[in-house]
């Protein structure tokens, strides 16, 4: 029954996201010796996953920083592959029910990208056709939500943390977000609030629990129109210049991938640097970042 539900939901999500496209010839992001990643201080303490699995960054880079998170990874193969081929480092948020996750996540890591769990959460539509199977729900017992979240965490390898897929209902519920925060903290992960609804309490509950956390600043493709998407990319640049960094979320969809293929290679000349989410969370929270040993 579980497999059939997952297969059906994956089919619906795949059909909705669309079909064919060629591969990008973008070069992979190459880590250099001077690049460093957030890590725990030397000593017997266990390095948490959000630092252990982090992609290295150049700490002395003074340029405004842009963190691009791409959701819905793993379900639509042509656009998953084109997203993985983009220059990075990007942060890719993977569905826990996607097929062949170890292979897909490994291929992305080899291109220099960081990984998140893209956790399905209850939406106003109340339909698994949109959330995917086994979402976190406010009407389920805490033990069931905990089990669903733990299974999803186990499904996606080498993640630094998680963000919410959908969740217009779930992220307004403090008790449910406390479960998410507790599990994130227990697994040594960060949390990114996708802010799918203005009154989300997810970031606040994570911060209260002591979870390294941040919230999305800009949605790239809330409207699936190339002109609107290009306008959102300009907003990202403005926010990064003004605040020093910007966290933006897009999706593995045709117009988004095409826009990023054209835009990402221009950022360095404009004076920006791409940063993965773990380093950006550390920056936002004024956390120490030390050389990975």
C-alpha atoms as a PDB file:
ATOM      1  CA  UNK A   1       0.000   0.000   0.000  1.00  0.00           C
ATOM      2  CA  UNK A   2       2.816   2.410   0.928  1.00  0.00           C
ATOM      3  CA  UNK A   3       4.644   1.789  -2.312  1.00  0.00           C
ATOM      4  CA  UNK A   4       1.509   2.213  -4.389  1.00  0.00           C
ATOM      5  CA  UNK A   5       0.685   5.528  -2.670  1.00  0.00           C
ATOM      6  CA  UNK A   6       4.192   6.780  -3.265  1.00  0.00           C
ATOM      7  CA  UNK A   7       4.183   5.672  -6.877  1.00  0.00           C
ATOM      8  CA  UNK A   8       0.854   7.371  -7.522  1.00  0.00           C
ATOM      9  CA  UNK A   9       1.928  10.619  -5.888  1.00  0.00           C
ATOM     10  CA  UNK A  10       5.240  10.623  -7.721  1.00  0.00           C
ATOM     11  CA  UNK A  11       3.406  10.077 -11.008  1.00  0.00           C
ATOM     12  CA  UNK A  12       1.119  13.034 -10.350  1.00  0.00           C
ATOM     13  CA  UNK A  13       3.961  15.325  -9.312  1.00  0.00           C
ATOM     14  CA  UNK A  14       6.065  14.268 -12.285  1.00  0.00           C
ATOM     15  CA  UNK A  15       3.233  14.833 -14.749  1.00  0.00           C
ATOM     16  CA  UNK A  16       2.522  18.252 -13.297  1.00  0.00           C
ATOM     17  CA  UNK A  17       6.156  19.369 -13.505  1.00  0.00           C
ATOM     18  CA  UNK A  18       6.612  18.492 -17.218  1.00  0.00           C
ATOM     19  CA  UNK A  19       8.642  16.778 -19.850  1.00  0.00           C
ATOM     20  CA  UNK A  20      11.696  17.136 -22.030  1.00  0.00           C
ATOM     21  CA  UNK A  21      14.737  19.352 -22.213  1.00  0.00           C
ATOM     22  CA  UNK A  22      18.401  19.004 -23.159  1.00  0.00           C
ATOM     23  CA  UNK A  23      21.270  19.036 -20.711  1.00  0.00           C
ATOM     24  CA  UNK A  24      23.205  22.164 -19.807  1.00  0.00           C
ATOM     25  CA  UNK A  25      26.921  22.243 -20.538  1.00  0.00           C
ATOM     26  CA  UNK A  26      27.599  24.297 -17.412  1.00  0.00           C
ATOM     27  CA  UNK A  27      30.924  23.483 -15.756  1.00  0.00           C
ATOM     28  CA  UNK A  28      30.934  21.970 -12.267  1.00  0.00           C
ATOM     29  CA  UNK A  29      31.793  24.067  -9.215  1.00  0.00           C
ATOM     30  CA  UNK A  30      35.317  23.093  -8.200  1.00  0.00           C
ATOM     31  CA  UNK A  31      36.344  23.318  -4.552  1.00  0.00           C
ATOM     32  CA  UNK A  32      39.756  24.923  -4.007  1.00  0.00           C
ATOM     33  CA  UNK A  33      42.180  24.482  -1.075  1.00  0.00           C
ATOM     34  CA  UNK A  34      41.409  27.937   0.305  1.00  0.00           C
ATOM     35  CA  UNK A  35      37.710  27.119   0.550  1.00  0.00           C
ATOM     36  CA  UNK A  36      36.434  26.233   3.978  1.00  0.00           C
ATOM     37  CA  UNK A  37      33.197  24.915   5.417  1.00  0.00           C
ATOM     38  CA  UNK A  38      31.329  25.503   8.672  1.00  0.00           C
ATOM     39  CA  UNK A  39      32.598  23.035  11.277  1.00  0.00           C
ATOM     40  CA  UNK A  40      32.571  22.428  14.981  1.00  0.00           C
ATOM     41  CA  UNK A  41      35.594  23.485  17.030  1.00  0.00           C
ATOM     42  CA  UNK A  42      38.293  20.848  17.446  1.00  0.00           C
ATOM     43  CA  UNK A  43      37.584  18.389  20.230  1.00  0.00           C
ATOM     44  CA  UNK A  44      35.534  15.314  21.078  1.00  0.00           C
ATOM     45  CA  UNK A  45      32.195  16.867  20.132  1.00  0.00           C
ATOM     46  CA  UNK A  46      30.363  15.245  17.220  1.00  0.00           C
ATOM     47  CA  UNK A  47      30.254  17.448  14.151  1.00  0.00           C
ATOM     48  CA  UNK A  48      26.561  18.074  13.330  1.00  0.00           C
ATOM     49  CA  UNK A  49      25.258  17.122   9.902  1.00  0.00           C
ATOM     50  CA  UNK A  50      24.610  20.732   8.878  1.00  0.00           C
ATOM     51  CA  UNK A  51      28.346  21.388   9.133  1.00  0.00           C
ATOM     52  CA  UNK A  52      29.682  17.941   8.287  1.00  0.00           C
ATOM     53  CA  UNK A  53      27.819  17.842   4.956  1.00  0.00           C
ATOM     54  CA  UNK A  54      28.315  21.519   4.141  1.00  0.00           C
ATOM     55  CA  UNK A  55      29.930  22.696   0.919  1.00  0.00           C
ATOM     56  CA  UNK A  56      33.062  24.777   1.376  1.00  0.00           C
ATOM     57  CA  UNK A  57      33.054  28.546   0.954  1.00  0.00           C
ATOM     58  CA  UNK A  58      35.674  31.273   0.781  1.00  0.00           C
ATOM     59  CA  UNK A  59      35.202  33.037   4.104  1.00  0.00           C
ATOM     60  CA  UNK A  60      37.100  36.175   3.175  1.00  0.00           C
ATOM     61  CA  UNK A  61      34.923  36.877   0.133  1.00  0.00           C
ATOM     62  CA  UNK A  62      33.424  40.347   0.704  1.00  0.00           C
ATOM     63  CA  UNK A  63      30.889  40.173  -2.124  1.00  0.00           C
ATOM     64  CA  UNK A  64      27.113  40.032  -1.500  1.00  0.00           C
ATOM     65  CA  UNK A  65      26.077  36.405  -1.171  1.00  0.00           C
ATOM     66  CA  UNK A  66      23.236  34.667  -2.990  1.00  0.00           C
ATOM     67  CA  UNK A  67      21.913  31.289  -1.830  1.00  0.00           C
ATOM     68  CA  UNK A  68      19.759  29.565  -4.436  1.00  0.00           C
ATOM     69  CA  UNK A  69      17.639  26.655  -3.207  1.00  0.00           C
ATOM     70  CA  UNK A  70      15.965  24.489  -5.838  1.00  0.00           C
ATOM     71  CA  UNK A  71      12.963  22.514  -4.583  1.00  0.00           C
ATOM     72  CA  UNK A  72      11.173  19.458  -5.958  1.00  0.00           C
ATOM     73  CA  UNK A  73      14.374  17.660  -6.857  1.00  0.00           C
ATOM     74  CA  UNK A  74      14.424  14.029  -7.899  1.00  0.00           C
ATOM     75  CA  UNK A  75      10.939  13.572  -9.315  1.00  0.00           C
ATOM     76  CA  UNK A  76      11.257  15.046 -12.823  1.00  0.00           C
ATOM     77  CA  UNK A  77      14.376  13.618 -14.400  1.00  0.00           C
ATOM     78  CA  UNK A  78      15.039  16.031 -17.293  1.00  0.00           C
ATOM     79  CA  UNK A  79      14.856  19.085 -15.049  1.00  0.00           C
ATOM     80  CA  UNK A  80      16.583  17.394 -12.126  1.00  0.00           C
ATOM     81  CA  UNK A  81      19.500  16.632 -14.431  1.00  0.00           C
ATOM     82  CA  UNK A  82      19.571  20.157 -15.875  1.00  0.00           C
ATOM     83  CA  UNK A  83      19.452  21.618 -12.379  1.00  0.00           C
ATOM     84  CA  UNK A  84      22.344  19.424 -11.237  1.00  0.00           C
ATOM     85  CA  UNK A  85      24.309  20.642 -14.287  1.00  0.00           C
ATOM     86  CA  UNK A  86      23.956  24.306 -13.249  1.00  0.00           C
ATOM     87  CA  UNK A  87      27.009  26.143 -11.904  1.00  0.00           C
ATOM     88  CA  UNK A  88      27.065  26.321  -8.152  1.00  0.00           C
ATOM     89  CA  UNK A  89      27.248  25.848  -5.339  1.00  0.00           C
ATOM     90  CA  UNK A  90      23.459  25.584  -5.246  1.00  0.00           C
ATOM     91  CA  UNK A  91      21.368  23.949  -2.527  1.00  0.00           C
ATOM     92  CA  UNK A  92      19.126  21.219  -3.898  1.00  0.00           C
ATOM     93  CA  UNK A  93      16.063  20.124  -1.891  1.00  0.00           C
ATOM     94  CA  UNK A  94      15.153  16.506  -2.619  1.00  0.00           C
ATOM     95  CA  UNK A  95      11.769  14.812  -2.295  1.00  0.00           C
ATOM     96  CA  UNK A  96      12.087  11.870   0.140  1.00  0.00           C
ATOM     97  CA  UNK A  97       9.948   9.679  -2.127  1.00  0.00           C
ATOM     98  CA  UNK A  98      11.995  10.271  -5.296  1.00  0.00           C
ATOM     99  CA  UNK A  99      13.636   7.202  -6.872  1.00  0.00           C
ATOM    100  CA  UNK A 100      17.364   6.394  -6.717  1.00  0.00           C
ATOM    101  CA  UNK A 101      18.094   9.139  -4.202  1.00  0.00           C
ATOM    102  CA  UNK A 102      21.622   7.988  -3.253  1.00  0.00           C
ATOM    103  CA  UNK A 103      22.691   8.078  -6.900  1.00  0.00           C
ATOM    104  CA  UNK A 104      20.969  11.386  -7.629  1.00  0.00           C
ATOM    105  CA  UNK A 105      22.274  13.157  -4.530  1.00  0.00           C
ATOM    106  CA  UNK A 106      25.791  11.822  -5.128  1.00  0.00           C
ATOM    107  CA  UNK A 107      25.776  13.134  -8.706  1.00  0.00           C
ATOM    108  CA  UNK A 108      24.731  16.563  -7.415  1.00  0.00           C
ATOM    109  CA  UNK A 109      27.407  16.547  -4.715  1.00  0.00           C
ATOM    110  CA  UNK A 110      30.019  15.785  -7.356  1.00  0.00           C
ATOM    111  CA  UNK A 111      28.950  18.987  -9.109  1.00  0.00           C
ATOM    112  CA  UNK A 112      29.507  20.936  -5.872  1.00  0.00           C
ATOM    113  CA  UNK A 113      25.903  21.277  -4.685  1.00  0.00           C
ATOM    114  CA  UNK A 114      24.564  20.971  -1.143  1.00  0.00           C
ATOM    115  CA  UNK A 115      21.538  18.828  -0.203  1.00  0.00           C
ATOM    116  CA  UNK A 116      18.349  19.412   1.794  1.00  0.00           C
ATOM    117  CA  UNK A 117      15.380  17.195   2.536  1.00  0.00           C
ATOM    118  CA  UNK A 118      12.285  18.748   0.917  1.00  0.00           C
ATOM    119  CA  UNK A 119       9.746  17.594   3.491  1.00  0.00           C
ATOM    120  CA  UNK A 120       6.082  17.309   2.472  1.00  0.00           C
ATOM    121  CA  UNK A 121       3.758  19.155   4.850  1.00  0.00           C
ATOM    122  CA  UNK A 122       0.004  19.618   4.955  1.00  0.00           C
ATOM    123  CA  UNK A 123      -1.324  22.287   2.614  1.00  0.00           C
ATOM    124  CA  UNK A 124      -4.644  24.072   2.334  1.00  0.00           C
ATOM    125  CA  UNK A 125      -5.578  21.899  -0.628  1.00  0.00           C
ATOM    126  CA  UNK A 126      -5.297  18.876   1.703  1.00  0.00           C
ATOM    127  CA  UNK A 127      -4.271  16.674  -1.236  1.00  0.00           C
ATOM    128  CA  UNK A 128      -1.333  14.283  -1.470  1.00  0.00           C
ATOM    129  CA  UNK A 129      -1.337  14.983  -5.215  1.00  0.00           C
ATOM    130  CA  UNK A 130       0.299  18.297  -4.237  1.00  0.00           C
ATOM    131  CA  UNK A 131       2.169  17.464  -1.052  1.00  0.00           C
ATOM    132  CA  UNK A 132       3.408  14.023  -2.016  1.00  0.00           C
ATOM    133  CA  UNK A 133       2.921  10.951   0.181  1.00  0.00           C
ATOM    134  CA  UNK A 134       3.190  10.895   3.972  1.00  0.00           C
ATOM    135  CA  UNK A 135       3.155  14.638   4.675  1.00  0.00           C
ATOM    136  CA  UNK A 136       3.342  16.006   8.184  1.00  0.00           C
ATOM    137  CA  UNK A 137      -0.220  16.828   9.273  1.00  0.00           C
ATOM    138  CA  UNK A 138      -1.785  18.660  12.180  1.00  0.00           C
ATOM    139  CA  UNK A 139      -4.463  15.969  12.586  1.00  0.00           C
ATOM    140  CA  UNK A 140      -2.015  13.090  13.091  1.00  0.00           C
ATOM    141  CA  UNK A 141      -0.638  11.872  16.437  1.00  0.00           C
ATOM    142  CA  UNK A 142       2.816  13.244  17.249  1.00  0.00           C
ATOM    143  CA  UNK A 143       4.313   9.757  17.043  1.00  0.00           C
ATOM    144  CA  UNK A 144       3.091   9.364  13.458  1.00  0.00           C
ATOM    145  CA  UNK A 145       4.475  12.731  12.376  1.00  0.00           C
ATOM    146  CA  UNK A 146       7.770  11.936  14.078  1.00  0.00           C
ATOM    147  CA  UNK A 147       7.977   8.575  12.319  1.00  0.00           C
ATOM    148  CA  UNK A 148       7.207  10.159   8.938  1.00  0.00           C
ATOM    149  CA  UNK A 149       9.856  12.814   9.424  1.00  0.00           C
ATOM    150  CA  UNK A 150      12.490  10.331  10.569  1.00  0.00           C
ATOM    151  CA  UNK A 151      11.782   8.086   7.587  1.00  0.00           C
ATOM    152  CA  UNK A 152      12.152  11.046   5.234  1.00  0.00           C
ATOM    153  CA  UNK A 153      15.429  12.131   6.870  1.00  0.00           C
ATOM    154  CA  UNK A 154      16.754   8.610   6.440  1.00  0.00           C
ATOM    155  CA  UNK A 155      15.725   8.534   2.779  1.00  0.00           C
ATOM    156  CA  UNK A 156      17.881  11.463   1.591  1.00  0.00           C
ATOM    157  CA  UNK A 157      21.624  10.998   2.189  1.00  0.00           C
ATOM    158  CA  UNK A 158      24.191  13.620   3.189  1.00  0.00           C
ATOM    159  CA  UNK A 159      21.754  16.450   3.900  1.00  0.00           C
ATOM    160  CA  UNK A 160      22.555  19.593   5.847  1.00  0.00           C
ATOM    161  CA  UNK A 161      18.919  20.018   6.881  1.00  0.00           C
ATOM    162  CA  UNK A 162      15.383  20.344   5.625  1.00  0.00           C
ATOM    163  CA  UNK A 163      12.857  22.796   4.273  1.00  0.00           C
ATOM    164  CA  UNK A 164       9.114  22.483   3.877  1.00  0.00           C
ATOM    165  CA  UNK A 165       7.326  21.421   0.704  1.00  0.00           C
ATOM    166  CA  UNK A 166       3.918  23.111   0.728  1.00  0.00           C
ATOM    167  CA  UNK A 167       2.857  23.470   4.389  1.00  0.00           C
ATOM    168  CA  UNK A 168       0.390  26.361   4.373  1.00  0.00           C
ATOM    169  CA  UNK A 169      -1.476  24.512   7.136  1.00  0.00           C
ATOM    170  CA  UNK A 170       1.386  22.666   8.818  1.00  0.00           C
ATOM    171  CA  UNK A 171       3.760  25.605   9.262  1.00  0.00           C
ATOM    172  CA  UNK A 172       1.151  27.614  11.166  1.00  0.00           C
ATOM    173  CA  UNK A 173       0.890  24.919  13.844  1.00  0.00           C
ATOM    174  CA  UNK A 174       3.350  25.463  16.696  1.00  0.00           C
ATOM    175  CA  UNK A 175       3.049  21.926  18.089  1.00  0.00           C
ATOM    176  CA  UNK A 176       3.844  20.348  14.728  1.00  0.00           C
ATOM    177  CA  UNK A 177       6.716  22.752  14.091  1.00  0.00           C
ATOM    178  CA  UNK A 178       8.097  21.886  17.520  1.00  0.00           C
ATOM    179  CA  UNK A 179       8.304  18.268  16.346  1.00  0.00           C
ATOM    180  CA  UNK A 180      10.194  19.412  13.244  1.00  0.00           C
ATOM    181  CA  UNK A 181      12.525  21.549  15.359  1.00  0.00           C
ATOM    182  CA  UNK A 182      13.173  18.747  17.836  1.00  0.00           C
ATOM    183  CA  UNK A 183      14.046  16.265  15.093  1.00  0.00           C
ATOM    184  CA  UNK A 184      16.216  18.797  13.253  1.00  0.00           C
ATOM    185  CA  UNK A 185      18.115  19.520  16.456  1.00  0.00           C
ATOM    186  CA  UNK A 186      18.442  15.835  17.321  1.00  0.00           C
ATOM    187  CA  UNK A 187      19.818  15.026  13.872  1.00  0.00           C
ATOM    188  CA  UNK A 188      22.203  17.995  13.916  1.00  0.00           C
ATOM    189  CA  UNK A 189      20.457  19.660  10.984  1.00  0.00           C
ATOM    190  CA  UNK A 190      19.492  23.185  10.008  1.00  0.00           C
ATOM    191  CA  UNK A 191      15.994  24.294   9.050  1.00  0.00           C
ATOM    192  CA  UNK A 192      14.935  26.579   6.227  1.00  0.00           C
ATOM    193  CA  UNK A 193      11.416  27.982   6.363  1.00  0.00           C
ATOM    194  CA  UNK A 194      10.174  28.168   2.776  1.00  0.00           C
ATOM    195  CA  UNK A 195       7.550  30.707   3.974  1.00  0.00           C
ATOM    196  CA  UNK A 196       4.709  29.329   1.894  1.00  0.00           C
ATOM    197  CA  UNK A 197       2.337  31.382   4.040  1.00  0.00           C
ATOM    198  CA  UNK A 198       3.035  34.759   5.714  1.00  0.00           C
ATOM    199  CA  UNK A 199       2.005  33.627   9.196  1.00  0.00           C
ATOM    200  CA  UNK A 200       4.343  30.639   9.364  1.00  0.00           C
ATOM    201  CA  UNK A 201       5.676  29.927  12.848  1.00  0.00           C
ATOM    202  CA  UNK A 202       8.267  27.434  11.605  1.00  0.00           C
ATOM    203  CA  UNK A 203      11.301  29.715  11.786  1.00  0.00           C
ATOM    204  CA  UNK A 204      10.388  31.038  15.232  1.00  0.00           C
ATOM    205  CA  UNK A 205       9.881  27.537  16.672  1.00  0.00           C
ATOM    206  CA  UNK A 206      13.187  26.365  15.204  1.00  0.00           C
ATOM    207  CA  UNK A 207      15.024  29.338  16.695  1.00  0.00           C
ATOM    208  CA  UNK A 208      13.438  28.799  20.112  1.00  0.00           C
ATOM    209  CA  UNK A 209      14.628  25.174  20.013  1.00  0.00           C
ATOM    210  CA  UNK A 210      18.171  26.239  19.166  1.00  0.00           C
ATOM    211  CA  UNK A 211      18.163  24.954  15.589  1.00  0.00           C
ATOM    212  CA  UNK A 212      20.377  26.821  13.095  1.00  0.00           C
ATOM    213  CA  UNK A 213      17.698  28.329  10.881  1.00  0.00           C
ATOM    214  CA  UNK A 214      16.748  30.894   8.283  1.00  0.00           C
ATOM    215  CA  UNK A 215      13.804  31.850   6.099  1.00  0.00           C
ATOM    216  CA  UNK A 216      13.374  32.301   2.384  1.00  0.00           C
ATOM    217  CA  UNK A 217      13.664  35.901   1.191  1.00  0.00           C
ATOM    218  CA  UNK A 218      12.503  35.616  -2.448  1.00  0.00           C
ATOM    219  CA  UNK A 219      10.492  33.108  -4.471  1.00  0.00           C
ATOM    220  CA  UNK A 220      11.923  32.873  -7.964  1.00  0.00           C
ATOM    221  CA  UNK A 221       9.010  31.233  -9.749  1.00  0.00           C
ATOM    222  CA  UNK A 222       5.788  31.761  -7.831  1.00  0.00           C
ATOM    223  CA  UNK A 223       4.483  32.749 -11.274  1.00  0.00           C
ATOM    224  CA  UNK A 224       5.567  30.433 -14.094  1.00  0.00           C
ATOM    225  CA  UNK A 225       6.288  33.214 -16.562  1.00  0.00           C
ATOM    226  CA  UNK A 226       9.797  33.924 -17.937  1.00  0.00           C
ATOM    227  CA  UNK A 227       9.435  37.697 -17.604  1.00  0.00           C
ATOM    228  CA  UNK A 228       8.231  37.442 -14.006  1.00  0.00           C
ATOM    229  CA  UNK A 229      11.068  35.054 -13.183  1.00  0.00           C
ATOM    230  CA  UNK A 230      13.648  37.452 -14.620  1.00  0.00           C
ATOM    231  CA  UNK A 231      12.125  40.195 -12.485  1.00  0.00           C
ATOM    232  CA  UNK A 232      12.491  38.015  -9.381  1.00  0.00           C
ATOM    233  CA  UNK A 233      16.143  37.408 -10.193  1.00  0.00           C
ATOM    234  CA  UNK A 234      16.649  41.189 -10.258  1.00  0.00           C
ATOM    235  CA  UNK A 235      14.969  41.408  -6.833  1.00  0.00           C
ATOM    236  CA  UNK A 236      17.399  38.781  -5.512  1.00  0.00           C
ATOM    237  CA  UNK A 237      20.303  40.966  -6.602  1.00  0.00           C
ATOM    238  CA  UNK A 238      18.793  44.015  -4.911  1.00  0.00           C
ATOM    239  CA  UNK A 239      18.177  42.161  -1.627  1.00  0.00           C
ATOM    240  CA  UNK A 240      21.708  40.744  -1.597  1.00  0.00           C
ATOM    241  CA  UNK A 241      23.238  44.158  -2.211  1.00  0.00           C
ATOM    242  CA  UNK A 242      21.125  45.737   0.523  1.00  0.00           C
ATOM    243  CA  UNK A 243      21.388  43.002   3.178  1.00  0.00           C
ATOM    244  CA  UNK A 244      24.660  41.278   2.335  1.00  0.00           C
ATOM    245  CA  UNK A 245      22.930  38.036   1.436  1.00  0.00           C
ATOM    246  CA  UNK A 246      19.702  36.703  -0.050  1.00  0.00           C
ATOM    247  CA  UNK A 247      18.068  33.274   0.205  1.00  0.00           C
ATOM    248  CA  UNK A 248      15.920  32.482  -2.834  1.00  0.00           C
ATOM    249  CA  UNK A 249      13.842  29.426  -3.646  1.00  0.00           C
ATOM    250  CA  UNK A 250      12.928  28.121  -7.083  1.00  0.00           C
ATOM    251  CA  UNK A 251      11.840  24.811  -8.517  1.00  0.00           C
ATOM    252  CA  UNK A 252      13.101  22.246 -11.001  1.00  0.00           C
ATOM    253  CA  UNK A 253      10.762  23.535 -13.720  1.00  0.00           C
ATOM    254  CA  UNK A 254      11.335  24.515 -17.369  1.00  0.00           C
ATOM    255  CA  UNK A 255      11.195  28.325 -17.197  1.00  0.00           C
ATOM    256  CA  UNK A 256      13.124  28.413 -13.923  1.00  0.00           C
ATOM    257  CA  UNK A 257      15.966  26.216 -15.125  1.00  0.00           C
ATOM    258  CA  UNK A 258      16.215  28.133 -18.411  1.00  0.00           C
ATOM    259  CA  UNK A 259      16.379  31.457 -16.553  1.00  0.00           C
ATOM    260  CA  UNK A 260      19.037  30.182 -14.147  1.00  0.00           C
ATOM    261  CA  UNK A 261      21.130  28.794 -16.990  1.00  0.00           C
ATOM    262  CA  UNK A 262      21.333  32.319 -18.390  1.00  0.00           C
ATOM    263  CA  UNK A 263      21.581  34.251 -15.082  1.00  0.00           C
ATOM    264  CA  UNK A 264      23.960  32.275 -12.858  1.00  0.00           C
ATOM    265  CA  UNK A 265      27.031  32.727 -15.093  1.00  0.00           C
ATOM    266  CA  UNK A 266      26.556  36.531 -14.916  1.00  0.00           C
ATOM    267  CA  UNK A 267      26.697  36.857 -11.123  1.00  0.00           C
ATOM    268  CA  UNK A 268      30.465  37.018 -10.631  1.00  0.00           C
ATOM    269  CA  UNK A 269      30.817  39.884 -13.126  1.00  0.00           C
ATOM    270  CA  UNK A 270      28.031  41.721 -11.304  1.00  0.00           C
ATOM    271  CA  UNK A 271      29.902  41.422  -8.024  1.00  0.00           C
ATOM    272  CA  UNK A 272      27.991  38.548  -6.351  1.00  0.00           C
ATOM    273  CA  UNK A 273      29.046  35.152  -5.033  1.00  0.00           C
ATOM    274  CA  UNK A 274      26.947  31.995  -4.786  1.00  0.00           C
ATOM    275  CA  UNK A 275      26.840  30.487  -1.305  1.00  0.00           C
ATOM    276  CA  UNK A 276      25.189  27.251  -0.161  1.00  0.00           C
ATOM    277  CA  UNK A 277      22.543  27.340   2.539  1.00  0.00           C
ATOM    278  CA  UNK A 278      24.686  26.021   5.415  1.00  0.00           C
ATOM    279  CA  UNK A 279      27.202  28.841   5.112  1.00  0.00           C
ATOM    280  CA  UNK A 280      24.387  31.358   4.683  1.00  0.00           C
ATOM    281  CA  UNK A 281      22.642  30.116   7.835  1.00  0.00           C
ATOM    282  CA  UNK A 282      25.934  30.454   9.699  1.00  0.00           C
ATOM    283  CA  UNK A 283      26.313  33.991   8.362  1.00  0.00           C
ATOM    284  CA  UNK A 284      22.735  34.936   9.274  1.00  0.00           C
ATOM    285  CA  UNK A 285      23.138  33.621  12.820  1.00  0.00           C
ATOM    286  CA  UNK A 286      26.636  35.041  13.399  1.00  0.00           C
ATOM    287  CA  UNK A 287      28.037  31.567  13.957  1.00  0.00           C
ATOM    288  CA  UNK A 288      31.731  30.791  13.975  1.00  0.00           C
ATOM    289  CA  UNK A 289      32.985  29.167  10.811  1.00  0.00           C
ATOM    290  CA  UNK A 290      36.259  27.272  11.115  1.00  0.00           C
ATOM    291  CA  UNK A 291      38.455  25.316   8.765  1.00  0.00           C
ATOM    292  CA  UNK A 292      37.305  21.787   8.077  1.00  0.00           C
ATOM    293  CA  UNK A 293      40.001  19.348   9.246  1.00  0.00           C
END
